[in-house]
Amino acid sequence: MRHEIMLQLLFFTAVRVGELVRIAVGDVDVAACTIFVDQGKSHKDRYILFLQTFSLVLGAHLAAHPKNRFVFETQRCGPYTVRRVQQIVQRYREAAGLGEAVSPHLFRHQMLTFLTGRKLSDAQIQLLSGHASKKSLEIYQHLSLDAVEGAYQRAVKWLEM
């Protein structure tokens, strides 16, 4: 169950795996659906959001582990390592029979791509992702021809002869 919650948190928040393993229990505000990321990439602090419906699951996880200092701790009472989270993701990839490479960063990439597709602005995506510049958001803005075709046809319809 802990792994499932961890993987959901990776996806819902688009948090970097290095930030995930350092989330302290005190940095989680279940009621506000926010998590404070202390000293994220480039030593920047920021807040990340999670689904309101996920607050019950995360709150129950925290209540079930009242002595934890970190949201996800090993049996030795320390935080998971980045490498351990990578191994967990690989284990579930193999169990699902996926041949393609899957990494914790893919969860981040997929969520940010999803949010871009749902028309969140660059400024909103930048705030949620913790990216230093809008230029770095370009990797999430790839579109397939299928996704663009309808809009293109509507836009150029008046050119018909």
Protein backbone atom coordinates (compact mmCIF):
# COMPACT_ATOMS: atom_id res chain seq x y z
CA MET A 1 0.00 0.00 0.00
CA ARG A 2 2.87 2.36 0.82
CA HIS A 3 4.31 1.88 -2.67
CA GLU A 4 0.95 2.60 -4.28
CA ILE A 5 0.61 5.83 -2.30
CA MET A 6 4.18 6.77 -3.21
CA LEU A 7 3.57 6.19 -6.92
CA GLN A 8 0.30 8.12 -6.82
CA LEU A 9 2.01 11.02 -5.07
CA LEU A 10 4.75 11.01 -7.70
CA PHE A 11 2.14 11.25 -10.44
CA PHE A 12 -0.41 13.61 -8.85
CA THR A 13 2.18 16.17 -7.77
CA ALA A 14 4.77 15.85 -10.57
CA VAL A 15 7.38 16.06 -7.81
CA ARG A 16 10.95 15.11 -8.59
CA VAL A 17 11.95 11.78 -7.05
CA GLY A 18 14.82 13.45 -5.16
CA GLU A 19 12.29 15.83 -3.63
CA LEU A 20 9.79 13.05 -2.87
CA VAL A 21 12.18 11.10 -0.67
CA ARG A 22 12.92 14.21 1.43
CA ILE A 23 9.32 15.24 2.15
CA ALA A 24 8.99 15.57 5.91
CA VAL A 25 5.69 14.74 7.59
CA GLY A 26 5.51 18.31 8.90
CA ASP A 27 5.67 19.64 5.34
CA VAL A 28 2.35 18.02 4.41
CA ASP A 29 -0.86 19.98 4.91
CA VAL A 30 -3.58 17.41 4.26
CA ALA A 31 -6.40 19.91 4.77
CA ALA A 32 -4.98 22.39 2.24
CA CYS A 33 -3.82 19.62 -0.15
CA THR A 34 -0.32 21.09 -0.27
CA ILE A 35 3.19 19.88 0.38
CA PHE A 36 6.12 22.16 1.06
CA VAL A 37 9.20 21.13 -0.89
CA ASP A 38 12.14 22.30 1.17
CA GLN A 39 15.28 22.97 -0.85
CA GLY A 40 14.17 21.35 -4.11
CA LYS A 41 16.24 21.45 -7.29
CA SER A 42 18.60 24.42 -7.36
CA HIS A 43 17.91 24.81 -3.60
CA LYS A 44 14.50 26.40 -4.26
CA ASP A 45 11.57 26.05 -1.91
CA ARG A 46 8.09 25.64 -3.36
CA TYR A 47 4.67 24.21 -2.68
CA ILE A 48 3.11 21.38 -4.65
CA LEU A 49 -0.54 20.44 -4.82
CA PHE A 50 -2.33 17.12 -4.70
CA LEU A 51 -5.91 16.03 -5.40
CA GLN A 52 -8.47 16.70 -2.70
CA THR A 53 -9.67 13.12 -2.99
CA PHE A 54 -6.11 11.93 -2.37
CA SER A 55 -5.98 13.80 0.96
CA LEU A 56 -7.92 10.98 2.67
CA VAL A 57 -5.42 8.37 1.46
CA LEU A 58 -2.38 10.45 2.35
CA GLY A 59 -3.86 11.43 5.71
CA ALA A 60 -4.56 7.77 6.53
CA HIS A 61 -1.00 6.85 5.54
CA LEU A 62 0.43 9.52 7.83
CA ALA A 63 -1.88 8.50 10.69
CA ALA A 64 -0.82 4.86 10.29
CA HIS A 65 2.85 5.86 10.73
CA PRO A 66 2.78 8.45 13.55
CA LYS A 67 6.49 8.11 14.37
CA ASN A 68 7.69 8.83 10.83
CA ARG A 69 9.77 11.93 10.25
CA PHE A 70 9.48 11.49 6.49
CA VAL A 71 6.31 10.66 4.56
CA PHE A 72 7.93 7.49 3.22
CA GLU A 73 10.36 5.69 5.49
CA THR A 74 12.14 2.38 5.24
CA GLN A 75 11.96 -0.29 7.93
CA ARG A 76 15.15 1.26 9.31
CA CYS A 77 13.28 4.50 10.06
CA GLY A 78 15.06 6.55 7.43
CA PRO A 79 13.92 8.08 4.18
CA TYR A 80 13.86 6.06 0.99
CA THR A 81 16.72 6.71 -1.40
CA VAL A 82 16.21 7.84 -4.98
CA ARG A 83 17.66 4.52 -6.12
CA ARG A 84 15.16 2.56 -4.02
CA VAL A 85 12.21 4.43 -5.55
CA GLN A 86 13.64 3.71 -9.00
CA GLN A 87 13.81 0.01 -8.09
CA ILE A 88 10.20 0.05 -6.88
CA VAL A 89 9.04 1.60 -10.14
CA GLN A 90 10.98 -1.03 -12.10
CA ARG A 91 9.48 -3.83 -10.05
CA TYR A 92 5.95 -2.66 -10.85
CA ARG A 93 6.87 -2.11 -14.50
CA GLU A 94 8.02 -5.72 -14.73
CA ALA A 95 4.95 -7.00 -12.88
CA ALA A 96 2.74 -5.11 -15.35
CA GLY A 97 4.63 -6.67 -18.25
CA LEU A 98 5.67 -3.34 -19.72
CA GLY A 99 8.60 -3.65 -22.10
CA GLU A 100 9.22 0.07 -22.30
CA ALA A 101 11.50 1.88 -19.90
CA VAL A 102 9.70 3.46 -16.96
CA SER A 103 11.29 5.75 -14.42
CA PRO A 104 9.96 7.94 -11.61
CA HIS A 105 10.69 10.95 -13.81
CA LEU A 106 8.22 9.61 -16.38
CA PHE A 107 5.42 10.15 -13.83
CA ARG A 108 6.45 13.81 -13.62
CA HIS A 109 6.71 14.15 -17.37
CA GLN A 110 3.29 12.54 -17.94
CA MET A 111 1.52 14.76 -15.41
CA LEU A 112 3.08 17.97 -16.71
CA THR A 113 2.22 16.96 -20.28
CA PHE A 114 -1.35 16.19 -19.15
CA LEU A 115 -1.67 19.58 -17.41
CA THR A 116 -0.30 21.34 -20.49
CA GLY A 117 -2.88 19.54 -22.61
CA ARG A 118 -5.60 20.64 -20.19
CA LYS A 119 -4.64 24.26 -21.01
CA LEU A 120 -2.88 25.29 -17.82
CA SER A 121 -0.76 28.32 -18.63
CA ASP A 122 3.01 28.24 -18.82
CA ALA A 123 3.13 30.31 -15.63
CA GLN A 124 0.90 27.80 -13.82
CA ILE A 125 2.93 24.81 -15.04
CA GLN A 126 6.15 26.58 -14.08
CA LEU A 127 4.85 27.22 -10.56
CA LEU A 128 3.69 23.63 -10.09
CA SER A 129 6.78 22.04 -11.60
CA GLY A 130 9.43 24.21 -10.03
CA HIS A 131 11.11 24.87 -13.39
CA ALA A 132 13.40 27.88 -13.38
CA SER A 133 12.34 29.11 -16.82
CA LYS A 134 9.48 28.83 -19.28
CA LYS A 135 11.97 27.58 -21.86
CA SER A 136 12.35 24.34 -19.91
CA LEU A 137 8.60 23.69 -20.27
CA GLU A 138 8.89 23.06 -24.00
CA ILE A 139 9.46 19.33 -23.50
CA TYR A 140 5.91 19.03 -22.12
CA GLN A 141 4.32 20.79 -25.07
CA HIS A 142 4.79 18.14 -27.71
CA LEU A 143 1.64 17.42 -29.62
CA SER A 144 0.70 14.73 -32.06
CA LEU A 145 -0.83 15.53 -35.43
CA ASP A 146 -4.01 13.84 -34.26
CA ALA A 147 -4.31 16.28 -31.37
CA VAL A 148 -3.83 19.28 -33.67
CA GLU A 149 -5.82 18.15 -36.72
CA GLY A 150 -9.28 19.30 -35.59
CA ALA A 151 -8.08 22.73 -34.52
CA TYR A 152 -6.09 23.11 -37.73
CA GLN A 153 -9.05 22.18 -39.94
CA ARG A 154 -11.32 24.64 -38.14
CA ALA A 155 -8.71 27.42 -38.37
CA VAL A 156 -8.07 27.06 -42.10
CA LYS A 157 -11.62 26.29 -43.16
CA TRP A 158 -12.17 29.83 -44.45
CA LEU A 159 -9.33 29.31 -46.92
CA GLU A 160 -11.34 26.71 -48.85
CA MET A 161 -11.91 27.59 -52.45
